[in-house]
């Protein structure tokens, strides 16, 4: 849920109810979508909070031009250039032609949501030792085609395509 607090759009990412002296309070953690700051805020039951009007627009990541990322609006075919700050942490999983959700407040771009799981090719990982080469045997670092580094099981080799959870930076499976 997105709310407006102190004039800035924020996302509620944690909430729980608490009963004190017959009054219900809802404690929340709000993340400011423009700055990334986290604020703890307590609301009384029935307190009105303005809903933030955030729009999500589907765009395609085309290519990187210097320090900027070129996106194309899937409806109007208009091209936009976004900075690394606007793209956020998802930049390490973005590859050309990927469809992403661009988060906007009014006309200002404030973030990019990438898919929760992506399939990427392993470009560099050390060879596995012969013993203990199982899924439960441990992990080793692997550099992916986008430059991201994740821990993978020993049986994963160069040129394998793997599925990665972009929220936790974890290996899921080999494709």
Protein backbone atom coordinates (compact mmCIF):
# COMPACT_ATOMS: atom_id res chain seq x y z
CA UNK A 1 0.00 0.00 0.00
CA UNK A 2 1.29 3.46 -0.91
CA UNK A 3 0.50 6.47 1.30
CA UNK A 4 1.42 10.17 1.36
CA UNK A 5 3.26 11.21 4.50
CA UNK A 6 4.81 14.66 4.91
CA UNK A 7 4.26 15.34 1.22
CA UNK A 8 6.30 12.36 0.01
CA UNK A 9 4.96 9.06 -1.31
CA UNK A 10 5.82 6.13 0.97
CA UNK A 11 5.29 2.39 0.83
CA UNK A 12 4.06 0.51 3.91
CA UNK A 13 6.25 -2.57 4.16
CA UNK A 14 5.56 -3.67 7.73
CA UNK A 15 2.55 -3.16 9.97
CA UNK A 16 0.98 -4.66 13.07
CA UNK A 17 -1.89 -3.74 15.39
CA UNK A 18 -1.50 -3.08 19.09
CA UNK A 19 -4.23 -2.56 21.71
CA UNK A 20 -3.40 -0.05 24.43
CA UNK A 21 -6.01 1.09 26.95
CA UNK A 22 -8.91 0.11 24.67
CA UNK A 23 -7.44 2.13 21.80
CA UNK A 24 -6.14 0.34 18.78
CA UNK A 25 -2.91 1.60 17.27
CA UNK A 26 -1.32 0.46 14.06
CA UNK A 27 2.45 0.60 14.05
CA UNK A 28 4.01 0.77 10.61
CA UNK A 29 7.34 1.08 8.89
CA UNK A 30 7.14 3.37 5.88
CA UNK A 31 9.76 3.53 3.16
CA UNK A 32 9.98 6.82 1.27
CA UNK A 33 10.00 5.80 -2.41
CA UNK A 34 11.95 8.89 -3.49
CA UNK A 35 14.78 8.83 -0.93
CA UNK A 36 14.67 5.25 0.40
CA UNK A 37 14.55 6.46 4.02
CA UNK A 38 12.61 4.30 6.48
CA UNK A 39 10.32 5.91 9.07
CA UNK A 40 8.44 4.24 11.92
CA UNK A 41 4.98 5.75 12.33
CA UNK A 42 2.08 4.90 14.64
CA UNK A 43 -1.48 5.58 13.48
CA UNK A 44 -4.58 5.58 15.66
CA UNK A 45 -7.54 3.48 14.58
CA UNK A 46 -9.69 5.47 12.19
CA UNK A 47 -6.99 8.04 11.38
CA UNK A 48 -7.20 9.20 7.77
CA UNK A 49 -4.13 8.92 5.58
CA UNK A 50 -3.92 10.17 2.01
CA UNK A 51 -3.29 7.49 -0.59
CA UNK A 52 -0.28 8.17 -2.80
CA UNK A 53 -1.04 8.16 -6.51
CA UNK A 54 1.81 6.11 -7.92
CA UNK A 55 1.65 4.87 -11.48
CA UNK A 56 3.41 1.82 -12.84
CA UNK A 57 4.26 1.85 -16.50
CA UNK A 58 5.55 -1.13 -18.44
CA UNK A 59 8.80 -0.36 -20.25
CA UNK A 60 11.49 -2.28 -22.04
CA UNK A 61 15.16 -1.87 -21.14
CA UNK A 62 16.97 -1.32 -24.44
CA UNK A 63 20.63 -0.59 -23.68
CA UNK A 64 23.10 1.32 -21.52
CA UNK A 65 24.35 4.62 -22.92
CA UNK A 66 27.33 5.72 -20.85
CA UNK A 67 26.03 6.04 -17.29
CA UNK A 68 22.35 6.10 -18.30
CA UNK A 69 19.87 3.36 -19.06
CA UNK A 70 17.62 3.72 -22.10
CA UNK A 71 14.04 2.51 -21.63
CA UNK A 72 11.21 2.37 -24.15
CA UNK A 73 7.57 2.95 -23.25
CA UNK A 74 5.69 -0.12 -24.53
CA UNK A 75 2.59 1.96 -25.44
CA UNK A 76 3.96 5.14 -27.03
CA UNK A 77 7.41 3.78 -28.06
CA UNK A 78 8.93 6.90 -26.49
CA UNK A 79 12.49 6.42 -25.23
CA UNK A 80 13.62 7.69 -21.82
CA UNK A 81 17.06 7.80 -20.26
CA UNK A 82 17.24 6.91 -16.57
CA UNK A 83 20.10 7.36 -14.14
CA UNK A 84 21.49 4.61 -11.93
CA UNK A 85 19.79 6.27 -8.93
CA UNK A 86 16.41 6.09 -10.66
CA UNK A 87 16.89 2.43 -11.61
CA UNK A 88 18.06 1.40 -8.13
CA UNK A 89 19.52 -1.92 -7.02
CA UNK A 90 17.81 -3.87 -9.80
CA UNK A 91 20.41 -2.60 -12.25
CA UNK A 92 22.65 -5.59 -11.56
CA UNK A 93 19.99 -7.96 -12.95
CA UNK A 94 18.81 -5.98 -15.99
CA UNK A 95 19.71 -7.26 -19.41
CA UNK A 96 18.76 -5.87 -22.79
CA UNK A 97 15.13 -6.36 -23.93
CA UNK A 98 13.92 -7.05 -20.36
CA UNK A 99 10.42 -5.80 -19.52
CA UNK A 100 10.32 -3.77 -16.27
CA UNK A 101 7.78 -1.69 -14.34
CA UNK A 102 8.75 1.97 -14.00
CA UNK A 103 7.30 3.58 -10.86
CA UNK A 104 6.18 7.20 -11.29
CA UNK A 105 4.79 9.87 -8.95
CA UNK A 106 3.04 12.49 -11.07
CA UNK A 107 5.52 12.70 -13.97
CA UNK A 108 8.66 12.05 -11.92
CA UNK A 109 10.30 8.63 -12.26
CA UNK A 110 11.17 7.37 -8.78
CA UNK A 111 12.09 3.74 -9.32
CA UNK A 112 12.16 0.62 -11.45
CA UNK A 113 10.67 -2.72 -10.40
CA UNK A 114 12.30 -5.68 -12.10
CA UNK A 115 10.83 -9.20 -12.17
CA UNK A 116 11.20 -11.19 -8.93
CA UNK A 117 13.07 -13.97 -10.78
CA UNK A 118 15.40 -13.63 -13.75
CA UNK A 119 17.29 -16.15 -15.86
CA UNK A 120 20.92 -15.20 -16.45
CA UNK A 121 23.96 -16.90 -17.93
CA UNK A 122 26.99 -17.70 -15.74
CA UNK A 123 30.08 -16.15 -17.35
CA UNK A 124 32.68 -16.88 -14.67
CA UNK A 125 32.80 -19.35 -11.81
CA UNK A 126 35.64 -21.49 -10.47
CA UNK A 127 35.57 -25.18 -11.35
CA UNK A 128 34.07 -27.51 -8.75
CA UNK A 129 36.11 -29.97 -6.74
CA UNK A 130 35.33 -33.64 -7.46
CA UNK A 131 34.26 -34.54 -3.92
CA UNK A 132 31.12 -33.01 -2.45
CA UNK A 133 29.78 -31.96 -5.84
CA UNK A 134 26.12 -32.02 -4.73
CA UNK A 135 23.32 -29.53 -4.34
CA UNK A 136 23.77 -29.58 -0.54
CA UNK A 137 27.57 -29.60 -0.60
CA UNK A 138 28.24 -25.88 -0.38
CA UNK A 139 28.48 -22.86 -2.61
CA UNK A 140 30.91 -20.87 -4.71
CA UNK A 141 30.70 -17.36 -6.25
CA UNK A 142 29.48 -16.99 -9.84
CA UNK A 143 29.59 -13.86 -11.98
CA UNK A 144 26.55 -13.48 -14.22
CA UNK A 145 26.25 -11.88 -17.66
CA UNK A 146 25.04 -8.61 -16.11
CA UNK A 147 27.99 -8.41 -13.68
CA UNK A 148 26.03 -9.53 -10.61
CA UNK A 149 27.75 -12.04 -8.32
CA UNK A 150 25.69 -14.74 -6.57
CA UNK A 151 26.53 -17.83 -4.56
CA UNK A 152 25.76 -21.04 -6.50
CA UNK A 153 26.11 -24.79 -5.78
CA UNK A 154 29.33 -26.50 -6.84
CA UNK A 155 27.72 -28.27 -9.83
CA UNK A 156 26.98 -24.97 -11.65
CA UNK A 157 29.51 -24.36 -14.44
CA UNK A 158 30.38 -21.59 -16.88
CA UNK A 159 27.75 -21.02 -19.61
CA UNK A 160 24.95 -22.52 -17.47
CA UNK A 161 21.75 -20.48 -17.32
CA UNK A 162 20.43 -20.08 -13.77
CA UNK A 163 17.35 -18.53 -12.17
CA UNK A 164 18.05 -15.88 -9.51
CA UNK A 165 15.72 -14.27 -6.97
CA UNK A 166 16.31 -10.54 -7.48
CA UNK A 167 14.89 -9.60 -4.06
CA UNK A 168 17.27 -11.74 -2.02
CA UNK A 169 20.19 -12.15 -4.49
CA UNK A 170 19.93 -15.94 -4.18
CA UNK A 171 20.36 -18.80 -6.62
CA UNK A 172 17.08 -20.69 -7.18
CA UNK A 173 17.79 -23.36 -9.79
CA UNK A 174 19.53 -24.22 -13.03
CA UNK A 175 17.40 -23.73 -16.15
